[in-house]
Amino acid sequence: MSAPAPLRLSPAECTCFRVRGAARRVTQIYSRHLASTGLKISQFSLLGFVAARGPVSITELSELLSTDRTTLTRNLRPLLSSGVIERSATGDKRRHELVATAAGRALFKRALPLWVEAEQEVRAAMGAKLTADLHGALDRSMEKLAAL
């Protein structure tokens, strides 16, 4: 039996290109809805996770969000600068945890209905079946890619 023929794909058929394109379009929708809060969707998600989890370390948060610490630290910087998230000391001087401030919790509470509007817009545009199929495909993809 002969070896399979090598793939001859164009850049437009690149899986990464397609996933990133879809992510950019979805991000634009959420950004439009969240614009009045000053939060980007990535910041909204970070603020939400920190507010919900209580004190959480950067390492724990990076694992939870499947992102590297450098990217996470860069995305946290504006939230720390604006005072919606702050570092709290632990018993270990080398370890700090993140907590949402009262202002951060209030901002998240104000942004949440706007996020719901964005989520509903995306789901309505795609329909229930495509939304469920996409979520399932993304979950399965993350499971398969986790080993790489």
C-alpha atoms as a PDB file:
ATOM      1  CA  MET A   1       0.000   0.000   0.000  1.00  0.00           C
ATOM      2  CA  SER A   2       1.358   3.435  -0.870  1.00  0.00           C
ATOM      3  CA  ALA A   3       1.770   6.348   1.501  1.00  0.00           C
ATOM      4  CA  PRO A   4      -1.007   8.924   1.528  1.00  0.00           C
ATOM      5  CA  ALA A   5      -0.482  11.912  -0.730  1.00  0.00           C
ATOM      6  CA  PRO A   6       0.764  15.016   1.094  1.00  0.00           C
ATOM      7  CA  LEU A   7      -1.878  17.644   1.815  1.00  0.00           C
ATOM      8  CA  ARG A   8      -1.899  20.592  -0.540  1.00  0.00           C
ATOM      9  CA  LEU A   9      -3.753  23.226   1.356  1.00  0.00           C
ATOM     10  CA  SER A  10      -4.017  26.905   0.658  1.00  0.00           C
ATOM     11  CA  PRO A  11      -3.667  29.433   3.485  1.00  0.00           C
ATOM     12  CA  ALA A  12      -7.444  29.995   3.299  1.00  0.00           C
ATOM     13  CA  GLU A  13      -7.949  26.356   4.299  1.00  0.00           C
ATOM     14  CA  CYS A  14      -5.723  26.722   7.360  1.00  0.00           C
ATOM     15  CA  THR A  15      -7.529  25.623  10.516  1.00  0.00           C
ATOM     16  CA  CYS A  16      -5.902  28.343  12.591  1.00  0.00           C
ATOM     17  CA  PHE A  17      -6.845  31.031  10.045  1.00  0.00           C
ATOM     18  CA  ARG A  18     -10.487  29.906  10.097  1.00  0.00           C
ATOM     19  CA  VAL A  19     -10.730  29.645  13.904  1.00  0.00           C
ATOM     20  CA  ARG A  20      -9.087  33.044  14.376  1.00  0.00           C
ATOM     21  CA  GLY A  21     -11.366  34.633  11.755  1.00  0.00           C
ATOM     22  CA  ALA A  22     -14.470  33.309  13.488  1.00  0.00           C
ATOM     23  CA  ALA A  23     -13.090  34.414  16.856  1.00  0.00           C
ATOM     24  CA  ARG A  24     -12.438  37.939  15.517  1.00  0.00           C
ATOM     25  CA  ARG A  25     -16.002  38.233  14.208  1.00  0.00           C
ATOM     26  CA  VAL A  26     -17.543  36.994  17.462  1.00  0.00           C
ATOM     27  CA  THR A  27     -15.225  39.294  19.441  1.00  0.00           C
ATOM     28  CA  GLN A  28     -16.429  42.286  17.383  1.00  0.00           C
ATOM     29  CA  ILE A  29     -20.024  41.539  18.390  1.00  0.00           C
ATOM     30  CA  TYR A  30     -19.197  41.271  22.100  1.00  0.00           C
ATOM     31  CA  SER A  31     -16.991  44.390  21.907  1.00  0.00           C
ATOM     32  CA  ARG A  32     -19.842  46.405  20.409  1.00  0.00           C
ATOM     33  CA  HIS A  33     -22.146  45.396  23.247  1.00  0.00           C
ATOM     34  CA  LEU A  34     -19.563  45.974  26.006  1.00  0.00           C
ATOM     35  CA  ALA A  35     -18.208  49.257  24.587  1.00  0.00           C
ATOM     36  CA  SER A  36     -20.036  51.479  27.088  1.00  0.00           C
ATOM     37  CA  THR A  37     -18.303  49.685  29.988  1.00  0.00           C
ATOM     38  CA  GLY A  38     -14.796  50.168  28.592  1.00  0.00           C
ATOM     39  CA  LEU A  39     -14.197  46.419  28.931  1.00  0.00           C
ATOM     40  CA  LYS A  40     -12.934  44.163  26.173  1.00  0.00           C
ATOM     41  CA  ILE A  41     -14.482  40.691  26.135  1.00  0.00           C
ATOM     42  CA  SER A  42     -11.198  39.219  27.403  1.00  0.00           C
ATOM     43  CA  GLN A  43     -11.238  41.678  30.316  1.00  0.00           C
ATOM     44  CA  PHE A  44     -14.917  40.964  31.024  1.00  0.00           C
ATOM     45  CA  SER A  45     -14.132  37.245  31.238  1.00  0.00           C
ATOM     46  CA  LEU A  46     -11.117  37.788  33.500  1.00  0.00           C
ATOM     47  CA  LEU A  47     -13.059  40.095  35.792  1.00  0.00           C
ATOM     48  CA  GLY A  48     -15.904  37.587  35.931  1.00  0.00           C
ATOM     49  CA  PHE A  49     -13.633  34.672  36.805  1.00  0.00           C
ATOM     50  CA  VAL A  50     -11.807  36.659  39.479  1.00  0.00           C
ATOM     51  CA  ALA A  51     -15.069  37.958  40.950  1.00  0.00           C
ATOM     52  CA  ALA A  52     -16.609  34.476  40.998  1.00  0.00           C
ATOM     53  CA  ARG A  53     -13.568  32.581  42.275  1.00  0.00           C
ATOM     54  CA  GLY A  54     -12.616  34.979  45.014  1.00  0.00           C
ATOM     55  CA  PRO A  55      -8.914  35.155  45.728  1.00  0.00           C
ATOM     56  CA  VAL A  56      -7.208  33.298  42.871  1.00  0.00           C
ATOM     57  CA  SER A  57      -3.545  33.104  41.920  1.00  0.00           C
ATOM     58  CA  ILE A  58      -2.315  33.971  38.442  1.00  0.00           C
ATOM     59  CA  THR A  59      -1.170  30.367  38.029  1.00  0.00           C
ATOM     60  CA  GLU A  60      -4.613  29.015  38.933  1.00  0.00           C
ATOM     61  CA  LEU A  61      -6.290  31.537  36.653  1.00  0.00           C
ATOM     62  CA  SER A  62      -3.996  30.739  33.719  1.00  0.00           C
ATOM     63  CA  GLU A  63      -4.750  27.034  34.111  1.00  0.00           C
ATOM     64  CA  LEU A  64      -8.475  27.695  34.391  1.00  0.00           C
ATOM     65  CA  LEU A  65      -8.449  29.839  31.236  1.00  0.00           C
ATOM     66  CA  SER A  66      -5.965  27.682  29.278  1.00  0.00           C
ATOM     67  CA  THR A  67      -3.674  30.631  28.662  1.00  0.00           C
ATOM     68  CA  ASP A  68      -0.039  31.283  29.440  1.00  0.00           C
ATOM     69  CA  ARG A  69       0.952  33.474  32.369  1.00  0.00           C
ATOM     70  CA  THR A  70       2.553  36.129  30.129  1.00  0.00           C
ATOM     71  CA  THR A  71      -0.636  36.671  28.105  1.00  0.00           C
ATOM     72  CA  LEU A  72      -2.731  36.599  31.258  1.00  0.00           C
ATOM     73  CA  THR A  73      -0.499  39.153  32.989  1.00  0.00           C
ATOM     74  CA  ARG A  74      -0.716  41.450  29.943  1.00  0.00           C
ATOM     75  CA  ASN A  75      -4.534  41.149  29.883  1.00  0.00           C
ATOM     76  CA  LEU A  76      -4.757  41.763  33.639  1.00  0.00           C
ATOM     77  CA  ARG A  77      -2.644  44.941  33.520  1.00  0.00           C
ATOM     78  CA  PRO A  78      -5.481  47.350  32.565  1.00  0.00           C
ATOM     79  CA  LEU A  79      -7.815  45.778  35.138  1.00  0.00           C
ATOM     80  CA  LEU A  80      -5.185  46.211  37.854  1.00  0.00           C
ATOM     81  CA  SER A  81      -4.375  49.766  36.724  1.00  0.00           C
ATOM     82  CA  SER A  82      -8.016  50.806  36.771  1.00  0.00           C
ATOM     83  CA  GLY A  83      -8.512  49.327  40.244  1.00  0.00           C
ATOM     84  CA  VAL A  84     -11.220  46.791  39.376  1.00  0.00           C
ATOM     85  CA  ILE A  85      -8.899  43.926  40.300  1.00  0.00           C
ATOM     86  CA  GLU A  86      -6.181  44.096  42.923  1.00  0.00           C
ATOM     87  CA  ARG A  87      -3.444  41.857  44.245  1.00  0.00           C
ATOM     88  CA  SER A  88      -3.872  40.623  47.793  1.00  0.00           C
ATOM     89  CA  ALA A  89      -0.999  39.287  49.816  1.00  0.00           C
ATOM     90  CA  THR A  90      -1.008  35.748  51.127  1.00  0.00           C
ATOM     91  CA  GLY A  91       1.119  34.214  53.868  1.00  0.00           C
ATOM     92  CA  ASP A  92       3.759  33.512  51.190  1.00  0.00           C
ATOM     93  CA  LYS A  93       5.526  36.717  50.087  1.00  0.00           C
ATOM     94  CA  ARG A  94       6.262  35.146  46.688  1.00  0.00           C
ATOM     95  CA  ARG A  95       2.592  34.469  45.981  1.00  0.00           C
ATOM     96  CA  HIS A  96      -0.134  37.029  45.406  1.00  0.00           C
ATOM     97  CA  GLU A  97      -3.763  36.392  44.711  1.00  0.00           C
ATOM     98  CA  LEU A  98      -6.163  38.426  42.637  1.00  0.00           C
ATOM     99  CA  VAL A  99      -9.466  39.740  43.965  1.00  0.00           C
ATOM    100  CA  ALA A 100     -12.183  41.882  42.417  1.00  0.00           C
ATOM    101  CA  THR A 101     -12.636  45.198  44.187  1.00  0.00           C
ATOM    102  CA  ALA A 102     -16.054  46.654  44.988  1.00  0.00           C
ATOM    103  CA  ALA A 103     -15.682  48.799  41.864  1.00  0.00           C
ATOM    104  CA  GLY A 104     -14.795  45.684  39.871  1.00  0.00           C
ATOM    105  CA  ARG A 105     -17.817  43.778  41.102  1.00  0.00           C
ATOM    106  CA  ALA A 106     -20.039  46.767  40.287  1.00  0.00           C
ATOM    107  CA  LEU A 107     -18.537  47.043  36.794  1.00  0.00           C
ATOM    108  CA  PHE A 108     -19.062  43.339  36.179  1.00  0.00           C
ATOM    109  CA  LYS A 109     -22.664  43.614  37.380  1.00  0.00           C
ATOM    110  CA  ARG A 110     -23.224  46.514  34.943  1.00  0.00           C
ATOM    111  CA  ALA A 111     -21.530  44.648  32.069  1.00  0.00           C
ATOM    112  CA  LEU A 112     -23.298  41.322  32.593  1.00  0.00           C
ATOM    113  CA  PRO A 113     -26.610  42.247  30.896  1.00  0.00           C
ATOM    114  CA  LEU A 114     -24.654  43.664  27.947  1.00  0.00           C
ATOM    115  CA  TRP A 115     -22.744  40.399  27.670  1.00  0.00           C
ATOM    116  CA  VAL A 116     -26.090  38.531  27.743  1.00  0.00           C
ATOM    117  CA  GLU A 117     -27.289  40.677  24.819  1.00  0.00           C
ATOM    118  CA  ALA A 118     -24.145  39.818  22.857  1.00  0.00           C
ATOM    119  CA  GLU A 119     -24.478  36.125  23.657  1.00  0.00           C
ATOM    120  CA  GLN A 120     -28.123  36.171  22.552  1.00  0.00           C
ATOM    121  CA  GLU A 121     -27.209  37.973  19.310  1.00  0.00           C
ATOM    122  CA  VAL A 122     -24.553  35.397  18.436  1.00  0.00           C
ATOM    123  CA  ARG A 123     -26.820  32.464  19.319  1.00  0.00           C
ATOM    124  CA  ALA A 124     -29.732  33.936  17.340  1.00  0.00           C
ATOM    125  CA  ALA A 125     -27.527  34.490  14.280  1.00  0.00           C
ATOM    126  CA  MET A 126     -26.198  30.931  14.373  1.00  0.00           C
ATOM    127  CA  GLY A 127     -29.344  29.181  15.572  1.00  0.00           C
ATOM    128  CA  ALA A 128     -29.659  26.661  18.388  1.00  0.00           C
ATOM    129  CA  LYS A 129     -28.336  23.654  16.452  1.00  0.00           C
ATOM    130  CA  LEU A 130     -25.232  25.350  15.061  1.00  0.00           C
ATOM    131  CA  THR A 131     -24.502  26.900  18.469  1.00  0.00           C
ATOM    132  CA  ALA A 132     -24.726  23.502  20.182  1.00  0.00           C
ATOM    133  CA  ASP A 133     -22.685  21.859  17.402  1.00  0.00           C
ATOM    134  CA  LEU A 134     -20.021  24.574  17.639  1.00  0.00           C
ATOM    135  CA  HIS A 135     -19.793  24.300  21.423  1.00  0.00           C
ATOM    136  CA  GLY A 136     -19.488  20.510  21.177  1.00  0.00           C
ATOM    137  CA  ALA A 137     -16.869  20.709  18.427  1.00  0.00           C
ATOM    138  CA  LEU A 138     -14.832  23.257  20.377  1.00  0.00           C
ATOM    139  CA  ASP A 139     -14.997  21.182  23.578  1.00  0.00           C
ATOM    140  CA  ARG A 140     -13.930  18.023  21.731  1.00  0.00           C
ATOM    141  CA  SER A 141     -11.196  19.933  19.908  1.00  0.00           C
ATOM    142  CA  MET A 142      -9.771  21.272  23.169  1.00  0.00           C
ATOM    143  CA  GLU A 143      -9.748  17.752  24.626  1.00  0.00           C
ATOM    144  CA  LYS A 144      -7.893  16.370  21.590  1.00  0.00           C
ATOM    145  CA  LEU A 145      -5.457  19.271  21.375  1.00  0.00           C
ATOM    146  CA  ALA A 146      -4.672  19.287  25.104  1.00  0.00           C
ATOM    147  CA  ALA A 147      -2.275  16.396  24.642  1.00  0.00           C
ATOM    148  CA  LEU A 148      -0.180  18.244  22.051  1.00  0.00           C
END
